[in-house]
Amino acid sequence: MSASGGGKAILAAFLANMGIALAKFIAWFLSGSASMLAEAIHSVADSGNQLLLMLGGRKAKKAADREHPFGHGRERYVYAFVVSIILFSVGGLFSIYEGIDKLTHPHELENVWIPIAVLVVAIVLESFSLRTAIKESNHVRAKGQSWVSFVRHSKAPELPVVLLEDVAALTGLAFALFGVGMTAITHNPVFDAIGTLMIGTLLILVAITLGIETKSLLVGEGATDADYDRIVDAINDGPEVEKLIHIKTLYLGPDELLVAAKLGFASDAPLAHVASDIDRIEARVRAAVPAARIIYFEPDIYRPGDDHTPPTSEFVIKSTD
């Protein structure tokens, strides 16, 4: 599965959030709605998110050097982690603070039609942004894969972040519309405070969800089950290998998979033949999984009936002999 395809979605979300944030700040200034201020900070945080995602994408393209021999692909994970934890949490905590302040110091809203109009327009714009994110995600989402599975297992952090941002933004706008609308109907500012608290809680929940997923990518994830099986099949498809002893995989970046394996060859195989056999196996693996760009194969001698036991820390492929 390609890890690319998030640039258009990030740009669409950034442009939408910048315009929406400005409109929300104006509506807050004219009405005094805490929900509108929370939503304005939410949009500013989202705009910062997109800038950080774009920055992470640029840094990830830096060439490998002696200090970073496997390149800088994980920069995208680092910046996605910063987005998920810091900006979402800051926006969420600020919203909760504003909600509590509004509960303890309630005041009537002014020009209530202004925030309602802004919220309706913002919902329309955020819907277009979400539509773009869904369209871009469908280019890389596996056929039949659920959205929850896509967010949880995607190796490219940008699209899941933008998707959750847009869903959270639309949900937050609905909360804000509820708070402002109920305040306008009942003339009770407590509803505006409740809407603000709901927005803050939503942002913190999204922060926790994204933090868990990006942490897993930072620690290091191996190939998906489907890609793992393709790699194993590609190794075993030819006549070269007598036995696949063990194999490990690790994503160095969203588009770069490291594959390391110990391969058992016949004890009488000439070195030149082993070298050419490894080249053929590497070609099959790359054809089966294009993301497998860095491959290390360690040849070993295999004797039928010899129980070759690798170290316990390595994943073992059981023999089918």
Foldseek 3Di string as FASTA:
>chain_A
DALDQQPVLLVLLLVLLVVLLVLLVVQCVQWVFLLSVLLSLLSVLSNVLSVLLVVLVVQQPDDADPVRNPGSQCSNLVSLLCSLAPSLLVSLVVLLVSLVVCVVPPDFTHPLVSLLVSLVVSLVSLVVSLVSLVVSLVVPDDVPDDPVNCLQPQQRNNSSVSNLSSVLSNVLSVLQNQQSVVCVVVVGNNSSSVSSNVSSVSSVVSSVVSNVRSVDLVVWDFDDPVLVVQLVCLQPVDPFFPDWFFKTWTDPHSQAMEIETETAGAPPDDPVRNVVSVVSSVVSSCVSPVNHPHYHYHYDHDDPPDDDHDDPVTGGDDDPD
